[in-house]
PDB file of N, CA and C in Angstrom:
ATOM      1  N   MET A   1      13.900 -16.548 -19.902  1.00  0.00           N
ATOM      2  CA  MET A   1      13.657 -16.059 -18.557  1.00  0.00           C
ATOM      3  C   MET A   1      14.702 -16.580 -17.614  1.00  0.00           C
ATOM      4  N   ASN A   2      15.242 -15.610 -16.887  1.00  0.00           N
ATOM      5  CA  ASN A   2      16.308 -15.934 -15.964  1.00  0.00           C
ATOM      6  C   ASN A   2      15.739 -16.407 -14.582  1.00  0.00           C
ATOM      7  N   THR A   3      16.285 -17.524 -14.073  1.00  0.00           N
ATOM      8  CA  THR A   3      15.796 -18.048 -12.772  1.00  0.00           C
ATOM      9  C   THR A   3      16.822 -17.929 -11.713  1.00  0.00           C
ATOM     10  N   LYS A   4      17.749 -16.972 -11.939  1.00  0.00           N
ATOM     11  CA  LYS A   4      18.805 -16.759 -10.933  1.00  0.00           C
ATOM     12  C   LYS A   4      18.307 -16.175  -9.633  1.00  0.00           C
ATOM     13  N   LYS A   5      18.781 -16.775  -8.520  1.00  0.00           N
ATOM     14  CA  LYS A   5      18.384 -16.181  -7.204  1.00  0.00           C
ATOM     15  C   LYS A   5      19.171 -14.990  -6.820  1.00  0.00           C
ATOM     16  N   ASN A   6      18.606 -14.091  -6.053  1.00  0.00           N
ATOM     17  CA  ASN A   6      19.318 -13.020  -5.523  1.00  0.00           C
ATOM     18  C   ASN A   6      19.413 -13.219  -4.034  1.00  0.00           C
ATOM     19  N   GLU A   7      19.924 -12.207  -3.304  1.00  0.00           N
ATOM     20  CA  GLU A   7      20.149 -12.346  -1.867  1.00  0.00           C
ATOM     21  C   GLU A   7      18.809 -12.411  -1.046  1.00  0.00           C
ATOM     22  N   ASN A   8      17.713 -12.019  -1.624  1.00  0.00           N
ATOM     23  CA  ASN A   8      16.409 -12.023  -0.921  1.00  0.00           C
ATOM     24  C   ASN A   8      15.645 -13.256  -1.245  1.00  0.00           C
ATOM     25  N   GLY A   9      16.113 -14.236  -1.883  1.00  0.00           N
ATOM     26  CA  GLY A   9      15.400 -15.412  -2.259  1.00  0.00           C
ATOM     27  C   GLY A   9      15.089 -15.376  -3.822  1.00  0.00           C
ATOM     28  N   ASN A  10      14.134 -16.142  -4.170  1.00  0.00           N
ATOM     29  CA  ASN A  10      13.800 -16.276  -5.628  1.00  0.00           C
ATOM     30  C   ASN A  10      12.858 -15.098  -5.985  1.00  0.00           C
ATOM     31  N   PRO A  11      13.398 -14.271  -6.944  1.00  0.00           N
ATOM     32  CA  PRO A  11      12.590 -13.124  -7.305  1.00  0.00           C
ATOM     33  C   PRO A  11      11.291 -13.535  -8.138  1.00  0.00           C
ATOM     34  N   LEU A  12      11.315 -14.694  -8.710  1.00  0.00           N
ATOM     35  CA  LEU A  12      10.128 -15.086  -9.443  1.00  0.00           C
ATOM     36  C   LEU A  12       8.860 -15.269  -8.599  1.00  0.00           C
ATOM     37  N   PHE A  13       9.048 -15.553  -7.343  1.00  0.00           N
ATOM     38  CA  PHE A  13       7.882 -15.740  -6.481  1.00  0.00           C
ATOM     39  C   PHE A  13       7.224 -14.355  -6.251  1.00  0.00           C
ATOM     40  N   GLY A  14       8.046 -13.320  -6.097  1.00  0.00           N
ATOM     41  CA  GLY A  14       7.487 -11.954  -5.994  1.00  0.00           C
ATOM     42  C   GLY A  14       6.795 -11.544  -7.248  1.00  0.00           C
ATOM     43  N   MET A  15       7.278 -11.853  -8.348  1.00  0.00           N
ATOM     44  CA  MET A  15       6.712 -11.487  -9.643  1.00  0.00           C
ATOM     45  C   MET A  15       5.423 -12.320  -9.846  1.00  0.00           C
ATOM     46  N   LEU A  16       5.451 -13.592  -9.414  1.00  0.00           N
ATOM     47  CA  LEU A  16       4.233 -14.446  -9.451  1.00  0.00           C
ATOM     48  C   LEU A  16       3.128 -13.793  -8.594  1.00  0.00           C
ATOM     49  N   GLY A  17       3.456 -13.355  -7.440  1.00  0.00           N
ATOM     50  CA  GLY A  17       2.426 -12.726  -6.568  1.00  0.00           C
ATOM     51  C   GLY A  17       1.822 -11.495  -7.241  1.00  0.00           C
ATOM     52  N   THR A  18       2.659 -10.680  -7.903  1.00  0.00           N
ATOM     53  CA  THR A  18       2.153  -9.506  -8.607  1.00  0.00           C
ATOM     54  C   THR A  18       1.253  -9.911  -9.752  1.00  0.00           C
ATOM     55  N   ALA A  19       1.672 -11.003 -10.531  1.00  0.00           N
ATOM     56  CA  ALA A  19       0.833 -11.444 -11.621  1.00  0.00           C
ATOM     57  C   ALA A  19      -0.495 -12.052 -11.170  1.00  0.00           C
ATOM     58  N   SER A  20      -0.472 -12.661  -9.996  1.00  0.00           N
ATOM     59  CA  SER A  20      -1.753 -13.170  -9.532  1.00  0.00           C
ATOM     60  C   SER A  20      -2.747 -12.192  -9.077  1.00  0.00           C
ATOM     61  N   THR A  21      -2.236 -10.988  -8.683  1.00  0.00           N
ATOM     62  CA  THR A  21      -3.176 -10.004  -8.293  1.00  0.00           C
ATOM     63  C   THR A  21      -3.853  -9.315  -9.501  1.00  0.00           C
ATOM     64  N   MET A  22      -3.293  -9.566 -10.723  1.00  0.00           N
ATOM     65  CA  MET A  22      -3.933  -8.937 -11.833  1.00  0.00           C
ATOM     66  C   MET A  22      -5.375  -9.375 -12.099  1.00  0.00           C
ATOM     67  N   GLY A  23      -5.607 -10.679 -11.839  1.00  0.00           N
ATOM     68  CA  GLY A  23      -7.007 -11.188 -11.960  1.00  0.00           C
ATOM     69  C   GLY A  23      -7.889 -10.622 -10.897  1.00  0.00           C
ATOM     70  N   LEU A  24      -7.368 -10.457  -9.705  1.00  0.00           N
ATOM     71  CA  LEU A  24      -8.174  -9.811  -8.676  1.00  0.00           C
ATOM     72  C   LEU A  24      -8.569  -8.392  -9.002  1.00  0.00           C
ATOM     73  N   HIS A  25      -7.659  -7.707  -9.662  1.00  0.00           N
ATOM     74  CA  HIS A  25      -7.982  -6.349 -10.045  1.00  0.00           C
ATOM     75  C   HIS A  25      -9.134  -6.347 -11.022  1.00  0.00           C
ATOM     76  N   MET A  26      -9.137  -7.264 -11.956  1.00  0.00           N
ATOM     77  CA  MET A  26     -10.181  -7.262 -12.942  1.00  0.00           C
ATOM     78  C   MET A  26     -11.575  -7.675 -12.329  1.00  0.00           C
ATOM     79  N   VAL A  27     -11.579  -8.366 -11.261  1.00  0.00           N
ATOM     80  CA  VAL A  27     -12.822  -8.748 -10.600  1.00  0.00           C
ATOM     81  C   VAL A  27     -13.221  -7.683  -9.586  1.00  0.00           C
ATOM     82  N   SER A  28     -12.312  -7.195  -8.813  1.00  0.00           N
ATOM     83  CA  SER A  28     -12.721  -6.314  -7.676  1.00  0.00           C
ATOM     84  C   SER A  28     -13.103  -4.896  -8.220  1.00  0.00           C
ATOM     85  N   GLY A  29     -12.486  -4.411  -9.262  1.00  0.00           N
ATOM     86  CA  GLY A  29     -12.834  -3.143  -9.824  1.00  0.00           C
ATOM     87  C   GLY A  29     -14.382  -3.029 -10.205  1.00  0.00           C
ATOM     88  N   PRO A  30     -14.890  -3.862 -11.049  1.00  0.00           N
ATOM     89  CA  PRO A  30     -16.290  -3.755 -11.364  1.00  0.00           C
ATOM     90  C   PRO A  30     -17.206  -4.088 -10.153  1.00  0.00           C
ATOM     91  N   LEU A  31     -16.798  -4.852  -9.236  1.00  0.00           N
ATOM     92  CA  LEU A  31     -17.635  -5.169  -8.089  1.00  0.00           C
ATOM     93  C   LEU A  31     -17.712  -3.978  -7.226  1.00  0.00           C
ATOM     94  N   VAL A  32     -16.651  -3.298  -6.920  1.00  0.00           N
ATOM     95  CA  VAL A  32     -16.662  -2.156  -6.091  1.00  0.00           C
ATOM     96  C   VAL A  32     -17.332  -0.948  -6.807  1.00  0.00           C
ATOM     97  N   GLY A  33     -17.018  -0.788  -8.062  1.00  0.00           N
ATOM     98  CA  GLY A  33     -17.684   0.274  -8.819  1.00  0.00           C
ATOM     99  C   GLY A  33     -19.217   0.098  -8.857  1.00  0.00           C
ATOM    100  N   GLY A  34     -19.609  -1.164  -9.159  1.00  0.00           N
ATOM    101  CA  GLY A  34     -21.072  -1.448  -9.250  1.00  0.00           C
ATOM    102  C   GLY A  34     -21.722  -1.323  -7.882  1.00  0.00           C
ATOM    103  N   GLY A  35     -21.016  -1.684  -6.769  1.00  0.00           N
ATOM    104  CA  GLY A  35     -21.590  -1.489  -5.421  1.00  0.00           C
ATOM    105  C   GLY A  35     -21.700  -0.073  -5.044  1.00  0.00           C
ATOM    106  N   LEU A  36     -20.725   0.776  -5.360  1.00  0.00           N
ATOM    107  CA  LEU A  36     -20.801   2.177  -5.123  1.00  0.00           C
ATOM    108  C   LEU A  36     -21.889   2.889  -5.977  1.00  0.00           C
ATOM    109  N   GLY A  37     -22.005   2.418  -7.226  1.00  0.00           N
ATOM    110  CA  GLY A  37     -23.086   2.959  -8.050  1.00  0.00           C
ATOM    111  C   GLY A  37     -24.426   2.534  -7.538  1.00  0.00           C
ATOM    112  N   TYR A  38     -24.577   1.339  -7.090  1.00  0.00           N
ATOM    113  CA  TYR A  38     -25.873   0.857  -6.521  1.00  0.00           C
ATOM    114  C   TYR A  38     -26.202   1.701  -5.259  1.00  0.00           C
ATOM    115  N   LEU A  39     -25.287   1.882  -4.431  1.00  0.00           N
ATOM    116  CA  LEU A  39     -25.474   2.702  -3.218  1.00  0.00           C
ATOM    117  C   LEU A  39     -25.911   4.130  -3.563  1.00  0.00           C
ATOM    118  N   CYS A  40     -25.244   4.683  -4.568  1.00  0.00           N
ATOM    119  CA  CYS A  40     -25.528   6.106  -4.966  1.00  0.00           C
ATOM    120  C   CYS A  40     -26.934   6.120  -5.528  1.00  0.00           C
ATOM    121  N   ASP A  41     -27.327   5.102  -6.289  1.00  0.00           N
ATOM    122  CA  ASP A  41     -28.733   5.087  -6.886  1.00  0.00           C
ATOM    123  C   ASP A  41     -29.758   4.890  -5.833  1.00  0.00           C
ATOM    124  N   THR A  42     -29.497   4.041  -4.798  1.00  0.00           N
ATOM    125  CA  THR A  42     -30.447   3.726  -3.804  1.00  0.00           C
ATOM    126  C   THR A  42     -30.652   4.869  -2.769  1.00  0.00           C
ATOM    127  N   TYR A  43     -29.604   5.393  -2.306  1.00  0.00           N
ATOM    128  CA  TYR A  43     -29.665   6.325  -1.200  1.00  0.00           C
ATOM    129  C   TYR A  43     -29.459   7.774  -1.565  1.00  0.00           C
ATOM    130  N   LEU A  44     -28.967   8.086  -2.733  1.00  0.00           N
ATOM    131  CA  LEU A  44     -28.680   9.496  -3.012  1.00  0.00           C
ATOM    132  C   LEU A  44     -29.603  10.063  -4.113  1.00  0.00           C
ATOM    133  N   PHE A  45     -29.642   9.340  -5.277  1.00  0.00           N
ATOM    134  CA  PHE A  45     -30.310   9.895  -6.431  1.00  0.00           C
ATOM    135  C   PHE A  45     -31.546   9.307  -6.869  1.00  0.00           C
ATOM    136  N   ASP A  46     -31.866   8.093  -6.413  1.00  0.00           N
ATOM    137  CA  ASP A  46     -33.093   7.410  -6.754  1.00  0.00           C
ATOM    138  C   ASP A  46     -33.208   7.259  -8.343  1.00  0.00           C
ATOM    139  N   SER A  47     -32.118   6.802  -8.919  1.00  0.00           N
ATOM    140  CA  SER A  47     -32.117   6.592 -10.392  1.00  0.00           C
ATOM    141  C   SER A  47     -31.436   5.315 -10.695  1.00  0.00           C
ATOM    142  N   TYR A  48     -32.129   4.181 -10.355  1.00  0.00           N
ATOM    143  CA  TYR A  48     -31.510   2.861 -10.205  1.00  0.00           C
ATOM    144  C   TYR A  48     -30.534   2.418 -11.309  1.00  0.00           C
ATOM    145  N   PRO A  49     -30.888   2.297 -12.554  1.00  0.00           N
ATOM    146  CA  PRO A  49     -29.926   1.682 -13.415  1.00  0.00           C
ATOM    147  C   PRO A  49     -28.718   2.547 -13.881  1.00  0.00           C
ATOM    148  N   ILE A  50     -28.825   3.866 -13.717  1.00  0.00           N
ATOM    149  CA  ILE A  50     -27.828   4.791 -14.261  1.00  0.00           C
ATOM    150  C   ILE A  50     -26.545   4.736 -13.459  1.00  0.00           C
ATOM    151  N   GLY A  51     -26.706   4.928 -12.167  1.00  0.00           N
ATOM    152  CA  GLY A  51     -25.517   4.938 -11.227  1.00  0.00           C
ATOM    153  C   GLY A  51     -24.793   3.564 -11.250  1.00  0.00           C
ATOM    154  N   LEU A  52     -25.590   2.479 -11.254  1.00  0.00           N
ATOM    155  CA  LEU A  52     -25.026   1.151 -11.308  1.00  0.00           C
ATOM    156  C   LEU A  52     -24.258   0.915 -12.549  1.00  0.00           C
ATOM    157  N   SER A  53     -24.772   1.373 -13.680  1.00  0.00           N
ATOM    158  CA  SER A  53     -24.089   1.178 -14.974  1.00  0.00           C
ATOM    159  C   SER A  53     -22.824   2.035 -14.968  1.00  0.00           C
ATOM    160  N   ILE A  54     -22.809   3.301 -14.555  1.00  0.00           N
ATOM    161  CA  ILE A  54     -21.681   4.106 -14.560  1.00  0.00           C
ATOM    162  C   ILE A  54     -20.628   3.596 -13.576  1.00  0.00           C
ATOM    163  N   GLY A  55     -21.071   3.050 -12.423  1.00  0.00           N
ATOM    164  CA  GLY A  55     -20.114   2.488 -11.543  1.00  0.00           C
ATOM    165  C   GLY A  55     -19.403   1.243 -12.105  1.00  0.00           C
ATOM    166  N   VAL A  56     -20.166   0.383 -12.750  1.00  0.00           N
ATOM    167  CA  VAL A  56     -19.550  -0.795 -13.342  1.00  0.00           C
ATOM    168  C   VAL A  56     -18.564  -0.410 -14.442  1.00  0.00           C
ATOM    169  N   VAL A  57     -18.895   0.506 -15.299  1.00  0.00           N
ATOM    170  CA  VAL A  57     -17.986   0.959 -16.344  1.00  0.00           C
ATOM    171  C   VAL A  57     -16.708   1.548 -15.754  1.00  0.00           C
ATOM    172  N   LEU A  58     -16.852   2.413 -14.734  1.00  0.00           N
ATOM    173  CA  LEU A  58     -15.720   3.028 -14.109  1.00  0.00           C
ATOM    174  C   LEU A  58     -14.867   1.925 -13.389  1.00  0.00           C
ATOM    175  N   GLY A  59     -15.534   0.936 -12.837  1.00  0.00           N
ATOM    176  CA  GLY A  59     -14.829  -0.168 -12.225  1.00  0.00           C
ATOM    177  C   GLY A  59     -13.980  -0.980 -13.235  1.00  0.00           C
ATOM    178  N   ILE A  60     -14.553  -1.147 -14.380  1.00  0.00           N
ATOM    179  CA  ILE A  60     -13.827  -1.902 -15.454  1.00  0.00           C
ATOM    180  C   ILE A  60     -12.570  -1.107 -15.904  1.00  0.00           C
ATOM    181  N   PHE A  61     -12.795   0.218 -16.065  1.00  0.00           N
ATOM    182  CA  PHE A  61     -11.665   1.037 -16.485  1.00  0.00           C
ATOM    183  C   PHE A  61     -10.576   1.053 -15.328  1.00  0.00           C
ATOM    184  N   ALA A  62     -10.983   1.042 -14.026  1.00  0.00           N
ATOM    185  CA  ALA A  62      -9.997   1.024 -12.945  1.00  0.00           C
ATOM    186  C   ALA A  62      -9.304  -0.327 -12.955  1.00  0.00           C
ATOM    187  N   GLY A  63      -9.999  -1.460 -13.253  1.00  0.00           N
ATOM    188  CA  GLY A  63      -9.376  -2.737 -13.271  1.00  0.00           C
ATOM    189  C   GLY A  63      -8.372  -2.837 -14.364  1.00  0.00           C
ATOM    190  N   PHE A  64      -8.663  -2.338 -15.539  1.00  0.00           N
ATOM    191  CA  PHE A  64      -7.718  -2.383 -16.664  1.00  0.00           C
ATOM    192  C   PHE A  64      -6.533  -1.476 -16.347  1.00  0.00           C
ATOM    193  N   ARG A  65      -6.780  -0.333 -15.710  1.00  0.00           N
ATOM    194  CA  ARG A  65      -5.665   0.529 -15.350  1.00  0.00           C
ATOM    195  C   ARG A  65      -4.720  -0.188 -14.387  1.00  0.00           C
ATOM    196  N   ASN A  66      -5.257  -0.797 -13.399  1.00  0.00           N
ATOM    197  CA  ASN A  66      -4.412  -1.485 -12.431  1.00  0.00           C
ATOM    198  C   ASN A  66      -3.632  -2.667 -13.113  1.00  0.00           C
ATOM    199  N   VAL A  67      -4.293  -3.360 -14.005  1.00  0.00           N
ATOM    200  CA  VAL A  67      -3.553  -4.503 -14.697  1.00  0.00           C
ATOM    201  C   VAL A  67      -2.431  -3.854 -15.555  1.00  0.00           C
ATOM    202  N   TYR A  68      -2.711  -2.730 -16.202  1.00  0.00           N
ATOM    203  CA  TYR A  68      -1.636  -2.059 -16.985  1.00  0.00           C
ATOM    204  C   TYR A  68      -0.422  -1.695 -16.146  1.00  0.00           C
ATOM    205  N   ILE A  69      -0.710  -1.106 -14.926  1.00  0.00           N
ATOM    206  CA  ILE A  69       0.346  -0.760 -14.035  1.00  0.00           C
ATOM    207  C   ILE A  69       1.104  -1.975 -13.567  1.00  0.00           C
ATOM    208  N   ASP A  70       0.415  -3.033 -13.208  1.00  0.00           N
ATOM    209  CA  ASP A  70       1.073  -4.281 -12.792  1.00  0.00           C
ATOM    210  C   ASP A  70       1.924  -4.852 -13.955  1.00  0.00           C
ATOM    211  N   ALA A  71       1.389  -4.845 -15.211  1.00  0.00           N
ATOM    212  CA  ALA A  71       2.146  -5.325 -16.315  1.00  0.00           C
ATOM    213  C   ALA A  71       3.463  -4.594 -16.560  1.00  0.00           C
ATOM    214  N   LYS A  72       3.347  -3.259 -16.399  1.00  0.00           N
ATOM    215  CA  LYS A  72       4.583  -2.439 -16.520  1.00  0.00           C
ATOM    216  C   LYS A  72       5.597  -2.790 -15.497  1.00  0.00           C
ATOM    217  N   TYR A  73       5.114  -2.952 -14.305  1.00  0.00           N
ATOM    218  CA  TYR A  73       6.010  -3.342 -13.124  1.00  0.00           C
ATOM    219  C   TYR A  73       6.698  -4.722 -13.396  1.00  0.00           C
ATOM    220  N   LEU A  74       5.925  -5.648 -13.844  1.00  0.00           N
ATOM    221  CA  LEU A  74       6.449  -7.018 -14.144  1.00  0.00           C
ATOM    222  C   LEU A  74       7.496  -6.914 -15.282  1.00  0.00           C
ATOM    223  N   GLN A  75       7.174  -6.143 -16.295  1.00  0.00           N
ATOM    224  CA  GLN A  75       8.075  -5.986 -17.381  1.00  0.00           C
ATOM    225  C   GLN A  75       9.407  -5.358 -16.962  1.00  0.00           C
ATOM    226  N   LYS A  76       9.340  -4.351 -16.087  1.00  0.00           N
ATOM    227  CA  LYS A  76      10.535  -3.687 -15.593  1.00  0.00           C
ATOM    228  C   LYS A  76      11.377  -4.657 -14.714  1.00  0.00           C
ATOM    229  N   LYS A  77      10.722  -5.466 -13.801  1.00  0.00           N
ATOM    230  CA  LYS A  77      11.407  -6.370 -13.056  1.00  0.00           C
ATOM    231  C   LYS A  77      12.047  -7.516 -13.883  1.00  0.00           C
ATOM    232  N   GLN A  78      11.404  -7.988 -14.942  1.00  0.00           N
ATOM    233  CA  GLN A  78      11.969  -8.980 -15.828  1.00  0.00           C
ATOM    234  C   GLN A  78      13.186  -8.441 -16.597  1.00  0.00           C
ATOM    235  N   GLU A  79      13.135  -7.167 -16.992  1.00  0.00           N
ATOM    236  CA  GLU A  79      14.253  -6.589 -17.654  1.00  0.00           C
ATOM    237  C   GLU A  79      15.410  -6.432 -16.702  1.00  0.00           C
ATOM    238  N   GLU A  80      15.166  -6.094 -15.423  1.00  0.00           N
ATOM    239  CA  GLU A  80      16.223  -6.032 -14.462  1.00  0.00           C
ATOM    240  C   GLU A  80      16.867  -7.353 -14.243  1.00  0.00           C
ATOM    241  N   LEU A  81      16.066  -8.411 -14.154  1.00  0.00           N
ATOM    242  CA  LEU A  81      16.635  -9.796 -14.028  1.00  0.00           C
ATOM    243  C   LEU A  81      17.413 -10.217 -15.260  1.00  0.00           C
ATOM    244  N   ASP A  82      16.959  -9.887 -16.364  1.00  0.00           N
ATOM    245  CA  ASP A  82      17.725 -10.204 -17.604  1.00  0.00           C
ATOM    246  C   ASP A  82      18.999  -9.485 -17.682  1.00  0.00           C
ATOM    247  N   ASN A  83      19.006  -8.211 -17.296  1.00  0.00           N
ATOM    248  CA  ASN A  83      20.272  -7.421 -17.367  1.00  0.00           C
ATOM    249  C   ASN A  83      21.275  -7.861 -16.309  1.00  0.00           C
ATOM    250  N   ASN A  84      20.761  -8.331 -15.199  1.00  0.00           N
ATOM    251  CA  ASN A  84      21.714  -8.776 -14.140  1.00  0.00           C
ATOM    252  C   ASN A  84      22.316 -10.116 -14.487  1.00  0.00           C
ATOM    253  N   GLY A  85      21.669 -10.876 -15.275  1.00  0.00           N
ATOM    254  CA  GLY A  85      22.226 -12.247 -15.634  1.00  0.00           C
ATOM    255  C   GLY A  85      23.195 -12.204 -16.772  1.00  0.00           C
ATOM    256  N   GLU A  86      23.387 -11.057 -17.428  1.00  0.00           N
ATOM    257  CA  GLU A  86      24.364 -10.952 -18.496  1.00  0.00           C
ATOM    258  C   GLU A  86      25.752 -10.684 -18.042  1.00  0.00           C
TER     259      GLU A  86
END
């Protein structure tokens, strides 16, 4: 791993910030999905466990999707840092 600084400061801190949001994506996705599913069950459809379950599952998929996108971004940035150091 290259720790060379560029003109904007240390690029590793930016990558660390992106990596730290990956955990938040895994928590916030199911919470938001479950909350929306619960609201749909309570106020729209009156079918309590179904909407909540669907919302949590969709939230988990959304969380994994966001983590995948962040991982691709981190990999691209690391490759750029490695290529600039050669």
